[in-house]
Every structure is written in structure tokens, then in C-alpha cells.
Amino acid sequence: MSVTMAAIVWLTLLALSLTTGTGRATIVQQTPKVKEVTPDQDITITCDISLTGLDMVCLRRLYTNPSEIVCAHKMSDPVIGPTYSNRTNVIKEFPKVIITISKLQENDTDVYMCGYSLLNMNTYNKETFNGTGTFIIVKDAKTPEDQCNNDPKLTMLIITLTSAVIILVVVFFALFVSKTDLIKKLCSKKPSKEAVYEEMVKK
């Protein structure tokens, strides 16, 4: 997937997340927006917000296998989900949190969103402030040769050109053989010098 295509997909997923979520995404800073990596590589996501008085920030996976990756409370150590416990590192400078996920695999491809929460003591309702999301794309790195071999259009083009060359070679060979036989026949029908002399004597 190219970076342009990744950006288009990310924007689509972002629109869905903003229309279906209850949080606000205007003041949360989250980077990077889109990141393409190969298997076993790492990615670092930074979450930050300009508000004060917040209680907690969580990094959530939104679409495939939705779950909380890590949650960091301002007064306690971060809690990492079981699926990521052995490959996630958190640097907490609350409200800024830097999260590194290592050993990424293809099934980790998804949108990951930072979400800050604040408990309103007047209404006892929890307010949420969502980031714009990070679209992580994990896919195998392929050499140009592999990409050519896996391109069906290019494969079909090669087969067509090869077939055309073979047909042309056969046609030219057939024409050459037919012309050679015709020349031999014409030569065999040519009268000898003796026959020409006898014909002249008779006349």
C-alpha cells in the first residue's frame, strides 16, 4: 500500500471514528498520523493534550480486535493489555505519554487512538477527548522482482509478448521453407544446355 493510499484509508477511518465516538478530537495531539512498517519493526506513538486536570489516557485499537493497548493514570503506573504486555513500553510525562509497540506483525494493522478522560465532579460523567488516530500498516517488504512476479497484468503481458514472438518465428520459418521449396522446383524445371542446343538444331 502506498503512502497516498494509506492516507486515504486513514482519513476514511478517522471520519468514522469521529462520527461514532463521543469524545472531542480538537485539542489532543497524536503522532504519527500514518506509519507503514515491516514485520518485527517498532512504532512509537506520542499522545499529548493542552488541557490540565485530566485523570487518565488510554491507547485503544479501534477496528480489528478492538481493545485497550495501554492505560496510564496520572497517579499510578501504566496498565498494559495482556496481548501487548511483553512488547509495549510506556514513558509517562502526564499528560504527555510516549508509547512504543515492538515486534509488529501484519495482524497489528489498524487504527490506534489516544483518548484522555476527565471525571466531571459536578455531574459525575466522564468526559473524553480523542486524538486523530494513528493508522499503522504492517506488511512484508518486497523486492521489485517479487512485485513484478506478483503482478498479474505484467505476467499476462509477458505471456502475450512471448506467444507473439513464437508465432512470428514460426510464420517466418514457414515462409522461408516454402520459398526454398519453390526455388528448388523452379531450378529443377530449368532446361539443360544440351536440351536447349537440340531444340535450336531442330529449328
Protein backbone atom coordinates (compact mmCIF):
# COMPACT_ATOMS: atom_id res chain seq x y z
CA MET A 1 0.00 0.00 0.00
CA SER A 2 1.42 3.39 -0.99
CA VAL A 3 1.57 6.31 1.42
CA THR A 4 -1.13 8.11 -0.58
CA MET A 5 -3.50 5.14 -0.35
CA ALA A 6 -2.69 4.78 3.33
CA ALA A 7 -3.60 8.41 3.91
CA ILE A 8 -6.92 7.96 2.11
CA VAL A 9 -7.78 4.90 4.22
CA TRP A 10 -6.71 6.68 7.39
CA LEU A 11 -8.88 9.70 6.61
CA THR A 12 -11.85 7.40 5.99
CA LEU A 13 -11.33 5.59 9.27
CA LEU A 14 -10.82 8.89 11.04
CA ALA A 15 -14.14 10.20 9.73
CA LEU A 16 -15.87 7.08 11.02
CA SER A 17 -14.22 7.34 14.42
CA LEU A 18 -15.21 10.99 14.78
CA THR A 19 -18.81 10.39 13.81
CA THR A 20 -19.26 7.34 16.04
CA GLY A 21 -17.29 8.47 19.08
CA THR A 22 -18.45 10.66 21.94
CA GLY A 23 -15.14 12.35 22.60
CA ARG A 24 -13.71 15.53 21.13
CA ALA A 25 -10.69 15.47 18.82
CA THR A 26 -9.81 19.15 18.65
CA ILE A 27 -7.17 19.52 21.37
CA VAL A 28 -5.44 16.14 21.50
CA GLN A 29 -2.10 15.92 19.71
CA GLN A 30 -1.25 12.47 18.40
CA THR A 31 1.65 11.48 16.16
CA PRO A 32 2.34 9.94 13.73
CA LYS A 33 -0.78 10.03 11.56
CA VAL A 34 0.15 7.16 9.23
CA LYS A 35 3.05 4.74 9.58
CA GLU A 36 3.98 1.85 7.30
CA VAL A 37 6.38 -0.73 8.73
CA THR A 38 7.56 -4.26 8.02
CA PRO A 39 7.07 -7.21 10.40
CA ASP A 40 9.14 -7.16 13.62
CA GLN A 41 9.69 -3.41 13.45
CA ASP A 42 8.68 -0.96 16.18
CA ILE A 43 6.47 2.12 16.25
CA THR A 44 6.30 4.97 18.73
CA ILE A 45 3.04 6.84 19.27
CA THR A 46 3.01 10.12 21.18
CA CYS A 47 -0.15 11.35 22.91
CA ASP A 48 -0.40 14.85 24.37
CA ILE A 49 -3.10 17.37 25.27
CA SER A 50 -3.19 21.04 26.19
CA LEU A 51 -5.78 20.65 28.96
CA THR A 52 -4.97 20.19 32.63
CA GLY A 53 -6.80 18.32 35.33
CA LEU A 54 -7.19 15.12 33.32
CA ASP A 55 -7.19 11.77 35.07
CA MET A 56 -6.13 9.16 32.53
CA VAL A 57 -5.08 8.47 28.94
CA CYS A 58 -5.60 5.24 27.05
CA LEU A 59 -4.37 4.00 23.69
CA ARG A 60 -7.09 1.95 22.04
CA ARG A 61 -7.20 -0.24 18.99
CA LEU A 62 -10.38 0.61 17.10
CA TYR A 63 -11.43 -1.76 14.34
CA THR A 64 -9.85 -5.21 14.10
CA ASN A 65 -9.78 -6.81 17.55
CA PRO A 66 -10.86 -3.60 19.35
CA SER A 67 -9.14 -3.36 22.71
CA GLU A 68 -7.20 -1.13 25.07
CA ILE A 69 -3.47 -1.35 24.46
CA VAL A 70 -2.40 0.63 27.50
CA CYS A 71 -3.95 2.99 30.04
CA ALA A 72 -1.89 5.44 32.09
CA HIS A 73 -3.39 7.14 35.14
CA LYS A 74 -1.76 10.32 36.32
CA MET A 75 -1.27 8.89 39.82
CA SER A 76 -0.28 5.28 39.07
CA ASP A 77 1.80 3.09 36.81
CA PRO A 78 0.56 2.31 33.29
CA VAL A 79 -1.55 -0.81 32.82
CA ILE A 80 -0.76 -2.71 29.60
CA GLY A 81 -3.23 -5.10 27.96
CA PRO A 82 -2.30 -8.80 28.02
CA THR A 83 -1.83 -9.04 24.24
CA TYR A 84 0.81 -6.29 24.30
CA SER A 85 2.31 -6.74 27.76
CA ASN A 86 5.60 -8.20 26.55
CA ARG A 87 6.17 -5.78 23.67
CA THR A 88 4.99 -2.37 24.85
CA ASN A 89 7.00 0.32 26.60
CA VAL A 90 5.45 3.45 28.11
CA ILE A 91 7.16 6.71 29.04
CA LYS A 92 4.74 8.77 31.10
CA GLU A 93 5.18 12.52 31.48
CA PHE A 94 1.50 13.07 32.14
CA PRO A 95 -0.42 14.33 30.27
CA LYS A 96 2.18 13.51 27.61
CA VAL A 97 2.65 9.79 27.07
CA ILE A 98 5.06 8.08 24.67
CA ILE A 99 4.10 4.52 23.78
CA THR A 100 6.38 2.15 21.84
CA ILE A 101 4.99 -1.10 20.45
CA SER A 102 7.61 -3.56 19.24
CA LYS A 103 7.63 -6.73 17.11
CA LEU A 104 4.70 -5.61 15.00
CA GLN A 105 3.02 -8.21 12.79
CA GLU A 106 0.59 -7.96 9.87
CA ASN A 107 -2.39 -8.59 12.14
CA ASP A 108 -1.43 -5.42 14.07
CA THR A 109 -2.58 -3.30 11.12
CA ASP A 110 -5.28 -1.00 12.47
CA VAL A 111 -6.11 2.50 13.72
CA TYR A 112 -4.81 3.28 17.21
CA MET A 113 -6.32 6.24 19.03
CA CYS A 114 -5.29 8.16 22.13
CA GLY A 115 -8.16 9.05 24.45
CA TYR A 116 -7.99 11.27 27.53
CA SER A 117 -10.68 11.15 30.18
CA LEU A 118 -11.84 13.53 32.89
CA LEU A 119 -14.40 12.86 35.59
CA ASN A 120 -16.76 15.80 35.98
CA MET A 121 -17.28 16.09 39.72
CA ASN A 122 -20.46 18.09 39.28
CA THR A 123 -22.29 15.62 37.05
CA TYR A 124 -20.15 12.53 37.73
CA ASN A 125 -19.99 11.96 34.00
CA LYS A 126 -16.76 11.07 32.29
CA GLU A 127 -15.68 13.40 29.52
CA THR A 128 -13.43 12.04 26.81
CA PHE A 129 -11.05 13.79 24.43
CA ASN A 130 -9.94 11.66 21.48
CA GLY A 131 -6.92 12.04 19.27
CA THR A 132 -6.96 11.87 15.50
CA GLY A 133 -5.63 8.32 15.46
CA THR A 134 -2.55 6.60 14.07
CA PHE A 135 -3.03 4.27 11.13
CA ILE A 136 -0.41 1.50 11.41
CA ILE A 137 0.20 -0.58 8.29
CA VAL A 138 2.32 -3.70 8.71
CA LYS A 139 3.25 -5.56 5.55
CA ASP A 140 6.12 -7.58 4.14
CA ALA A 141 8.78 -5.69 2.27
CA LYS A 142 9.05 -6.98 -1.29
CA THR A 143 11.82 -6.50 -3.79
CA PRO A 144 10.99 -5.08 -7.24
CA GLU A 145 11.45 -8.60 -8.65
CA ASP A 146 8.88 -10.00 -6.23
CA GLN A 147 6.45 -7.23 -7.09
CA CYS A 148 6.86 -7.96 -10.79
CA ASN A 149 6.32 -11.66 -10.22
CA ASN A 150 3.16 -10.98 -8.24
CA ASP A 151 1.67 -8.55 -10.78
CA PRO A 152 -0.95 -10.49 -12.82
CA LYS A 153 -1.15 -7.80 -15.51
CA LEU A 154 2.58 -7.86 -16.05
CA THR A 155 2.57 -11.66 -16.11
CA MET A 156 -0.18 -11.68 -18.75
CA LEU A 157 1.72 -9.09 -20.81
CA ILE A 158 4.87 -11.21 -20.73
CA ILE A 159 2.93 -14.32 -21.79
CA THR A 160 1.24 -12.43 -24.65
CA LEU A 161 4.50 -10.98 -25.94
CA THR A 162 6.25 -14.34 -25.72
CA SER A 163 3.42 -16.02 -27.62
CA ALA A 164 3.51 -13.33 -30.31
CA VAL A 165 7.27 -13.77 -30.77
CA ILE A 166 6.91 -17.54 -31.07
CA ILE A 167 4.11 -17.16 -33.65
CA LEU A 168 6.18 -14.72 -35.71
CA VAL A 169 9.18 -17.04 -35.65
CA VAL A 170 7.02 -19.95 -36.83
CA VAL A 171 5.48 -17.85 -39.63
CA PHE A 172 8.84 -16.60 -40.87
CA PHE A 173 10.25 -20.12 -40.76
CA ALA A 174 7.29 -21.45 -42.74
CA LEU A 175 7.68 -18.69 -45.34
CA PHE A 176 11.39 -19.40 -45.62
CA VAL A 177 10.80 -23.11 -46.12
CA SER A 178 8.07 -22.54 -48.70
CA LYS A 179 10.23 -20.11 -50.68
CA THR A 180 13.15 -22.51 -50.57
CA ASP A 181 10.99 -25.35 -51.95
CA LEU A 182 9.67 -23.06 -54.69
CA ILE A 183 13.18 -22.07 -55.72
CA LYS A 184 14.23 -25.70 -55.83
CA LYS A 185 11.25 -26.57 -58.05
CA LEU A 186 12.00 -23.70 -60.42
CA CYS A 187 15.59 -24.69 -60.63
CA SER A 188 14.72 -28.32 -61.30
CA LYS A 189 12.46 -27.30 -64.21
CA LYS A 190 15.17 -25.18 -65.86
CA PRO A 191 16.24 -26.86 -69.19
CA SER A 192 19.82 -28.06 -69.52
CA LYS A 193 22.25 -26.63 -72.08
CA GLU A 194 22.06 -29.84 -74.15
CA ALA A 195 18.28 -29.63 -74.37
CA VAL A 196 18.46 -26.02 -75.49
CA TYR A 197 21.09 -26.86 -78.16
CA GLU A 198 19.00 -29.80 -79.52
CA GLU A 199 15.97 -27.55 -79.71
CA MET A 200 17.92 -24.97 -81.70
CA VAL A 201 19.24 -27.63 -84.14
CA LYS A 202 15.75 -28.88 -84.80
CA LYS A 203 14.63 -25.40 -85.70
